[in-house]
């Protein structure tokens, strides 16, 4: 039991430190392409203000015509 309690100390320390001094992550901190990162925070009723339009799949990375991999599903072009 003591070992389990001691194993939780780094978690609790990191939790408190991140809460006090941690940077705000922002709307899409990982630059994920999937649609759930298009939802505003806090989400409105039904998650989206209007039904989203999807132009491509969530796993389209390294497209030869794009300069970077970050290309969300709801962005056209």
PDB file of N, CA and C in Angstrom:
ATOM      1  N   UNK A   1       0.819  -1.193   0.000  1.00  0.00           N
ATOM      2  CA  UNK A   1       0.000   0.000   0.000  1.00  0.00           C
ATOM      3  C   UNK A   1       0.865   1.258   0.000  1.00  0.00           C
ATOM      4  N   UNK A   2       1.940   1.203   0.747  1.00  0.00           N
ATOM      5  CA  UNK A   2       2.829   2.365   0.800  1.00  0.00           C
ATOM      6  C   UNK A   2       3.471   2.602  -0.568  1.00  0.00           C
ATOM      7  N   UNK A   3       3.841   1.521  -1.244  1.00  0.00           N
ATOM      8  CA  UNK A   3       4.422   1.646  -2.581  1.00  0.00           C
ATOM      9  C   UNK A   3       3.446   2.261  -3.570  1.00  0.00           C
ATOM     10  N   UNK A   4       2.184   1.880  -3.471  1.00  0.00           N
ATOM     11  CA  UNK A   4       1.176   2.450  -4.362  1.00  0.00           C
ATOM     12  C   UNK A   4       0.968   3.941  -4.090  1.00  0.00           C
ATOM     13  N   UNK A   5       0.997   4.320  -2.845  1.00  0.00           N
ATOM     14  CA  UNK A   5       0.862   5.734  -2.493  1.00  0.00           C
ATOM     15  C   UNK A   5       2.070   6.523  -2.993  1.00  0.00           C
ATOM     16  N   UNK A   6       3.272   5.972  -2.823  1.00  0.00           N
ATOM     17  CA  UNK A   6       4.472   6.656  -3.291  1.00  0.00           C
ATOM     18  C   UNK A   6       4.500   6.780  -4.811  1.00  0.00           C
ATOM     19  N   UNK A   7       3.920   5.819  -5.507  1.00  0.00           N
ATOM     20  CA  UNK A   7       3.878   5.881  -6.968  1.00  0.00           C
ATOM     21  C   UNK A   7       2.948   6.981  -7.460  1.00  0.00           C
ATOM     22  N   UNK A   8       2.015   7.423  -6.648  1.00  0.00           N
ATOM     23  CA  UNK A   8       1.083   8.481  -7.029  1.00  0.00           C
ATOM     24  C   UNK A   8       1.645   9.886  -6.806  1.00  0.00           C
ATOM     25  N   UNK A   9       2.704  10.002  -6.033  1.00  0.00           N
ATOM     26  CA  UNK A   9       3.263  11.318  -5.727  1.00  0.00           C
ATOM     27  C   UNK A   9       3.733  12.083  -6.973  1.00  0.00           C
ATOM     28  N   UNK A  10       4.459  11.455  -7.919  1.00  0.00           N
ATOM     29  CA  UNK A  10       4.826  12.220  -9.125  1.00  0.00           C
ATOM     30  C   UNK A  10       3.607  12.680  -9.919  1.00  0.00           C
ATOM     31  N   UNK A  11       2.571  11.879  -9.978  1.00  0.00           N
ATOM     32  CA  UNK A  11       1.353  12.266 -10.676  1.00  0.00           C
ATOM     33  C   UNK A  11       0.710  13.479 -10.022  1.00  0.00           C
ATOM     34  N   UNK A  12       0.569  13.461  -8.714  1.00  0.00           N
ATOM     35  CA  UNK A  12      -0.057  14.577  -7.994  1.00  0.00           C
ATOM     36  C   UNK A  12       0.797  15.833  -8.127  1.00  0.00           C
ATOM     37  N   UNK A  13       2.120  15.684  -8.021  1.00  0.00           N
ATOM     38  CA  UNK A  13       3.023  16.836  -8.162  1.00  0.00           C
ATOM     39  C   UNK A  13       2.881  17.454  -9.553  1.00  0.00           C
ATOM     40  N   UNK A  14       2.869  16.627 -10.603  1.00  0.00           N
ATOM     41  CA  UNK A  14       2.736  17.117 -11.970  1.00  0.00           C
ATOM     42  C   UNK A  14       1.363  17.762 -12.188  1.00  0.00           C
ATOM     43  N   UNK A  15       0.325  17.201 -11.615  1.00  0.00           N
ATOM     44  CA  UNK A  15      -1.017  17.756 -11.741  1.00  0.00           C
ATOM     45  C   UNK A  15      -1.089  19.160 -11.154  1.00  0.00           C
ATOM     46  N   UNK A  16      -0.573  19.335  -9.961  1.00  0.00           N
ATOM     47  CA  UNK A  16      -0.605  20.645  -9.293  1.00  0.00           C
ATOM     48  C   UNK A  16       0.278  21.644 -10.030  1.00  0.00           C
ATOM     49  N   UNK A  17       1.482  21.225 -10.428  1.00  0.00           N
ATOM     50  CA  UNK A  17       2.400  22.114 -11.144  1.00  0.00           C
ATOM     51  C   UNK A  17       1.819  22.553 -12.490  1.00  0.00           C
ATOM     52  N   UNK A  18       1.207  21.635 -13.208  1.00  0.00           N
ATOM     53  CA  UNK A  18       0.616  21.969 -14.502  1.00  0.00           C
ATOM     54  C   UNK A  18      -0.576  22.898 -14.342  1.00  0.00           C
ATOM     55  N   UNK A  19      -1.346  22.705 -13.305  1.00  0.00           N
ATOM     56  CA  UNK A  19      -2.507  23.569 -13.064  1.00  0.00           C
ATOM     57  C   UNK A  19      -2.080  24.994 -12.756  1.00  0.00           C
ATOM     58  N   UNK A  20      -1.005  25.142 -11.990  1.00  0.00           N
ATOM     59  CA  UNK A  20      -0.561  26.476 -11.573  1.00  0.00           C
ATOM     60  C   UNK A  20       0.277  27.185 -12.627  1.00  0.00           C
ATOM     61  N   UNK A  21       1.201  26.470 -13.277  1.00  0.00           N
ATOM     62  CA  UNK A  21       2.169  27.109 -14.170  1.00  0.00           C
ATOM     63  C   UNK A  21       2.095  26.631 -15.614  1.00  0.00           C
ATOM     64  N   UNK A  22       1.218  25.713 -15.915  1.00  0.00           N
ATOM     65  CA  UNK A  22       1.165  25.143 -17.255  1.00  0.00           C
ATOM     66  C   UNK A  22       0.619  26.105 -18.290  1.00  0.00           C
ATOM     67  N   UNK A  23       1.100  25.957 -19.503  1.00  0.00           N
ATOM     68  CA  UNK A  23       0.626  26.793 -20.601  1.00  0.00           C
ATOM     69  C   UNK A  23      -0.736  26.300 -21.085  1.00  0.00           C
ATOM     70  N   UNK A  24      -1.559  27.223 -21.565  1.00  0.00           N
ATOM     71  CA  UNK A  24      -2.858  26.867 -22.119  1.00  0.00           C
ATOM     72  C   UNK A  24      -2.622  26.163 -23.450  1.00  0.00           C
ATOM     73  N   UNK A  25      -3.299  25.049 -23.654  1.00  0.00           N
ATOM     74  CA  UNK A  25      -3.040  24.222 -24.827  1.00  0.00           C
ATOM     75  C   UNK A  25      -3.577  24.830 -26.109  1.00  0.00           C
ATOM     76  N   UNK A  26      -4.677  25.527 -26.077  1.00  0.00           N
ATOM     77  CA  UNK A  26      -5.245  26.113 -27.284  1.00  0.00           C
ATOM     78  C   UNK A  26      -6.283  25.208 -27.916  1.00  0.00           C
ATOM     79  N   UNK A  27      -6.836  25.615 -29.055  1.00  0.00           N
ATOM     80  CA  UNK A  27      -7.937  24.854 -29.650  1.00  0.00           C
ATOM     81  C   UNK A  27      -7.512  23.528 -30.282  1.00  0.00           C
ATOM     82  N   UNK A  28      -6.310  23.410 -30.804  1.00  0.00           N
ATOM     83  CA  UNK A  28      -5.845  22.169 -31.443  1.00  0.00           C
ATOM     84  C   UNK A  28      -4.343  22.034 -31.198  1.00  0.00           C
ATOM     85  N   UNK A  29      -3.935  21.665 -29.990  1.00  0.00           N
ATOM     86  CA  UNK A  29      -2.510  21.681 -29.655  1.00  0.00           C
ATOM     87  C   UNK A  29      -1.679  20.654 -30.409  1.00  0.00           C
ATOM     88  N   UNK A  30      -2.283  19.575 -30.889  1.00  0.00           N
ATOM     89  CA  UNK A  30      -1.526  18.525 -31.572  1.00  0.00           C
ATOM     90  C   UNK A  30      -1.607  18.645 -33.088  1.00  0.00           C
ATOM     91  N   UNK A  31      -2.280  19.653 -33.572  1.00  0.00           N
ATOM     92  CA  UNK A  31      -2.527  19.833 -35.003  1.00  0.00           C
ATOM     93  C   UNK A  31      -3.108  18.560 -35.613  1.00  0.00           C
ATOM     94  N   UNK A  32      -4.148  18.061 -34.987  1.00  0.00           N
ATOM     95  CA  UNK A  32      -4.826  16.860 -35.459  1.00  0.00           C
ATOM     96  C   UNK A  32      -5.743  17.213 -36.627  1.00  0.00           C
ATOM     97  N   UNK A  33      -5.864  16.304 -37.570  1.00  0.00           N
ATOM     98  CA  UNK A  33      -6.686  16.549 -38.750  1.00  0.00           C
ATOM     99  C   UNK A  33      -8.144  16.172 -38.540  1.00  0.00           C
ATOM    100  N   UNK A  34      -8.451  15.405 -37.518  1.00  0.00           N
ATOM    101  CA  UNK A  34      -9.801  14.887 -37.331  1.00  0.00           C
ATOM    102  C   UNK A  34     -10.771  15.993 -36.912  1.00  0.00           C
ATOM    103  N   UNK A  35     -12.036  15.726 -37.130  1.00  0.00           N
ATOM    104  CA  UNK A  35     -13.078  16.742 -37.025  1.00  0.00           C
ATOM    105  C   UNK A  35     -13.387  17.182 -35.592  1.00  0.00           C
ATOM    106  N   UNK A  36     -13.089  16.364 -34.591  1.00  0.00           N
ATOM    107  CA  UNK A  36     -13.446  16.756 -33.227  1.00  0.00           C
ATOM    108  C   UNK A  36     -12.692  17.992 -32.757  1.00  0.00           C
ATOM    109  N   UNK A  37     -11.584  18.343 -33.408  1.00  0.00           N
ATOM    110  CA  UNK A  37     -10.838  19.536 -33.008  1.00  0.00           C
ATOM    111  C   UNK A  37     -11.412  20.808 -33.613  1.00  0.00           C
ATOM    112  N   UNK A  38     -12.458  20.693 -34.436  1.00  0.00           N
ATOM    113  CA  UNK A  38     -13.134  21.866 -34.990  1.00  0.00           C
ATOM    114  C   UNK A  38     -14.235  22.371 -34.062  1.00  0.00           C
ATOM    115  N   UNK A  39     -14.525  21.643 -33.002  1.00  0.00           N
ATOM    116  CA  UNK A  39     -15.580  22.018 -32.052  1.00  0.00           C
ATOM    117  C   UNK A  39     -15.064  23.123 -31.136  1.00  0.00           C
ATOM    118  N   UNK A  40     -15.817  24.204 -30.954  1.00  0.00           N
ATOM    119  CA  UNK A  40     -15.369  25.251 -30.034  1.00  0.00           C
ATOM    120  C   UNK A  40     -15.463  24.773 -28.582  1.00  0.00           C
ATOM    121  N   UNK A  41     -14.752  25.475 -27.711  1.00  0.00           N
ATOM    122  CA  UNK A  41     -14.775  25.123 -26.298  1.00  0.00           C
ATOM    123  C   UNK A  41     -15.325  26.307 -25.518  1.00  0.00           C
ATOM    124  N   UNK A  42     -16.317  26.131 -24.696  1.00  0.00           N
ATOM    125  CA  UNK A  42     -17.119  24.931 -24.462  1.00  0.00           C
ATOM    126  C   UNK A  42     -18.036  24.658 -25.654  1.00  0.00           C
ATOM    127  N   UNK A  43     -18.315  23.389 -25.911  1.00  0.00           N
ATOM    128  CA  UNK A  43     -19.118  23.049 -27.090  1.00  0.00           C
ATOM    129  C   UNK A  43     -20.579  23.453 -26.917  1.00  0.00           C
ATOM    130  N   UNK A  44     -21.200  23.949 -27.987  1.00  0.00           N
ATOM    131  CA  UNK A  44     -22.630  24.266 -27.920  1.00  0.00           C
ATOM    132  C   UNK A  44     -23.461  22.988 -27.947  1.00  0.00           C
ATOM    133  N   UNK A  45     -24.756  23.126 -27.786  1.00  0.00           N
ATOM    134  CA  UNK A  45     -25.642  21.967 -27.840  1.00  0.00           C
ATOM    135  C   UNK A  45     -25.522  21.303 -29.212  1.00  0.00           C
ATOM    136  N   UNK A  46     -25.253  20.022 -29.239  1.00  0.00           N
ATOM    137  CA  UNK A  46     -25.072  19.309 -30.496  1.00  0.00           C
ATOM    138  C   UNK A  46     -23.653  19.392 -31.024  1.00  0.00           C
ATOM    139  N   UNK A  47     -22.736  19.987 -30.273  1.00  0.00           N
ATOM    140  CA  UNK A  47     -21.312  20.127 -30.568  1.00  0.00           C
ATOM    141  C   UNK A  47     -20.977  21.168 -31.629  1.00  0.00           C
ATOM    142  N   UNK A  48     -21.710  21.283 -32.701  1.00  0.00           N
ATOM    143  CA  UNK A  48     -21.388  22.233 -33.761  1.00  0.00           C
ATOM    144  C   UNK A  48     -22.523  23.252 -33.880  1.00  0.00           C
ATOM    145  N   UNK A  49     -22.175  24.505 -34.181  1.00  0.00           N
ATOM    146  CA  UNK A  49     -23.204  25.525 -34.394  1.00  0.00           C
ATOM    147  C   UNK A  49     -23.998  25.229 -35.661  1.00  0.00           C
ATOM    148  N   UNK A  50     -23.317  24.716 -36.672  1.00  0.00           N
ATOM    149  CA  UNK A  50     -23.945  24.285 -37.929  1.00  0.00           C
ATOM    150  C   UNK A  50     -23.298  22.952 -38.312  1.00  0.00           C
ATOM    151  N   UNK A  51     -24.000  22.101 -39.044  1.00  0.00           N
ATOM    152  CA  UNK A  51     -23.390  20.826 -39.440  1.00  0.00           C
ATOM    153  C   UNK A  51     -22.092  21.054 -40.234  1.00  0.00           C
ATOM    154  N   UNK A  52     -21.006  20.393 -39.854  1.00  0.00           N
ATOM    155  CA  UNK A  52     -19.731  20.622 -40.540  1.00  0.00           C
ATOM    156  C   UNK A  52     -19.715  19.985 -41.927  1.00  0.00           C
ATOM    157  N   UNK A  53     -18.959  20.587 -42.813  1.00  0.00           N
ATOM    158  CA  UNK A  53     -18.738  20.043 -44.148  1.00  0.00           C
ATOM    159  C   UNK A  53     -17.363  19.395 -44.146  1.00  0.00           C
ATOM    160  N   UNK A  54     -17.300  18.140 -44.532  1.00  0.00           N
ATOM    161  CA  UNK A  54     -16.045  17.393 -44.529  1.00  0.00           C
ATOM    162  C   UNK A  54     -15.552  17.239 -45.955  1.00  0.00           C
ATOM    163  N   UNK A  55     -14.300  17.607 -46.201  1.00  0.00           N
ATOM    164  CA  UNK A  55     -13.728  17.575 -47.536  1.00  0.00           C
ATOM    165  C   UNK A  55     -12.786  16.402 -47.778  1.00  0.00           C
ATOM    166  N   UNK A  56     -12.291  15.758 -46.715  1.00  0.00           N
ATOM    167  CA  UNK A  56     -11.346  14.641 -46.871  1.00  0.00           C
ATOM    168  C   UNK A  56     -11.362  13.786 -45.623  1.00  0.00           C
ATOM    169  N   UNK A  57     -10.683  12.669 -45.666  1.00  0.00           N
ATOM    170  CA  UNK A  57     -10.607  11.768 -44.519  1.00  0.00           C
ATOM    171  C   UNK A  57      -9.676  12.301 -43.443  1.00  0.00           C
ATOM    172  N   UNK A  58      -9.751  11.741 -42.239  1.00  0.00           N
ATOM    173  CA  UNK A  58      -8.950  12.254 -41.133  1.00  0.00           C
ATOM    174  C   UNK A  58      -7.480  11.845 -41.184  1.00  0.00           C
ATOM    175  N   UNK A  59      -7.111  10.910 -42.045  1.00  0.00           N
ATOM    176  CA  UNK A  59      -5.744  10.391 -42.043  1.00  0.00           C
ATOM    177  C   UNK A  59      -4.985  10.718 -43.316  1.00  0.00           C
ATOM    178  N   UNK A  60      -5.243  11.849 -43.907  1.00  0.00           N
ATOM    179  CA  UNK A  60      -4.522  12.247 -45.109  1.00  0.00           C
ATOM    180  C   UNK A  60      -3.316  13.085 -44.698  1.00  0.00           C
ATOM    181  N   UNK A  61      -2.194  12.418 -44.565  1.00  0.00           N
ATOM    182  CA  UNK A  61      -0.938  13.063 -44.199  1.00  0.00           C
ATOM    183  C   UNK A  61       0.017  12.982 -45.385  1.00  0.00           C
ATOM    184  N   UNK A  62       0.989  13.868 -45.420  1.00  0.00           N
ATOM    185  CA  UNK A  62       2.038  13.881 -46.442  1.00  0.00           C
ATOM    186  C   UNK A  62       1.468  13.930 -47.853  1.00  0.00           C
ATOM    187  N   UNK A  63       0.517  14.795 -48.069  1.00  0.00           N
ATOM    188  CA  UNK A  63      -0.023  15.002 -49.409  1.00  0.00           C
ATOM    189  C   UNK A  63       1.045  15.744 -50.216  1.00  0.00           C
ATOM    190  N   UNK A  64       1.434  15.244 -51.387  1.00  0.00           N
ATOM    191  CA  UNK A  64       2.551  15.856 -52.124  1.00  0.00           C
ATOM    192  C   UNK A  64       2.345  17.324 -52.485  1.00  0.00           C
ATOM    193  N   UNK A  65       1.113  17.762 -52.661  1.00  0.00           N
ATOM    194  CA  UNK A  65       0.869  19.151 -53.057  1.00  0.00           C
ATOM    195  C   UNK A  65       0.806  20.118 -51.875  1.00  0.00           C
ATOM    196  N   UNK A  66       0.900  19.614 -50.658  1.00  0.00           N
ATOM    197  CA  UNK A  66       0.819  20.459 -49.466  1.00  0.00           C
ATOM    198  C   UNK A  66       2.197  20.676 -48.870  1.00  0.00           C
ATOM    199  N   UNK A  67       2.431  21.867 -48.342  1.00  0.00           N
ATOM    200  CA  UNK A  67       3.714  22.180 -47.717  1.00  0.00           C
ATOM    201  C   UNK A  67       3.842  21.554 -46.327  1.00  0.00           C
ATOM    202  N   UNK A  68       2.714  21.363 -45.633  1.00  0.00           N
ATOM    203  CA  UNK A  68       2.763  20.780 -44.288  1.00  0.00           C
ATOM    204  C   UNK A  68       1.700  19.698 -44.142  1.00  0.00           C
ATOM    205  N   UNK A  69       1.862  18.848 -43.138  1.00  0.00           N
ATOM    206  CA  UNK A  69       0.939  17.738 -42.932  1.00  0.00           C
ATOM    207  C   UNK A  69      -0.389  18.160 -42.314  1.00  0.00           C
ATOM    208  N   UNK A  70      -0.399  19.247 -41.575  1.00  0.00           N
ATOM    209  CA  UNK A  70      -1.612  19.691 -40.884  1.00  0.00           C
ATOM    210  C   UNK A  70      -2.617  20.212 -41.897  1.00  0.00           C
ATOM    211  N   UNK A  71      -3.707  19.463 -42.099  1.00  0.00           N
ATOM    212  CA  UNK A  71      -4.755  19.827 -43.061  1.00  0.00           C
ATOM    213  C   UNK A  71      -6.076  19.296 -42.549  1.00  0.00           C
ATOM    214  N   UNK A  72      -6.780  20.035 -41.681  1.00  0.00           N
ATOM    215  CA  UNK A  72      -8.008  19.544 -41.070  1.00  0.00           C
ATOM    216  C   UNK A  72      -9.076  19.189 -42.099  1.00  0.00           C
ATOM    217  N   UNK A  73      -9.942  18.283 -41.707  1.00  0.00           N
ATOM    218  CA  UNK A  73     -11.001  17.796 -42.583  1.00  0.00           C
ATOM    219  C   UNK A  73     -11.959  18.889 -43.037  1.00  0.00           C
ATOM    220  N   UNK A  74     -12.175  19.878 -42.194  1.00  0.00           N
ATOM    221  CA  UNK A  74     -13.185  20.885 -42.497  1.00  0.00           C
ATOM    222  C   UNK A  74     -12.621  22.086 -43.268  1.00  0.00           C
ATOM    223  N   UNK A  75     -11.324  22.082 -43.591  1.00  0.00           N
ATOM    224  CA  UNK A  75     -10.752  23.159 -44.392  1.00  0.00           C
ATOM    225  C   UNK A  75     -10.764  22.779 -45.864  1.00  0.00           C
ATOM    226  N   UNK A  76     -11.284  23.655 -46.664  1.00  0.00           N
ATOM    227  CA  UNK A  76     -11.394  23.400 -48.094  1.00  0.00           C
ATOM    228  C   UNK A  76     -10.050  23.647 -48.777  1.00  0.00           C
ATOM    229  N   UNK A  77      -9.856  23.004 -49.896  1.00  0.00           N
ATOM    230  CA  UNK A  77      -8.712  23.299 -50.743  1.00  0.00           C
ATOM    231  C   UNK A  77      -7.592  22.416 -50.540  1.00  0.00           C
TER     232      UNK A  77
END
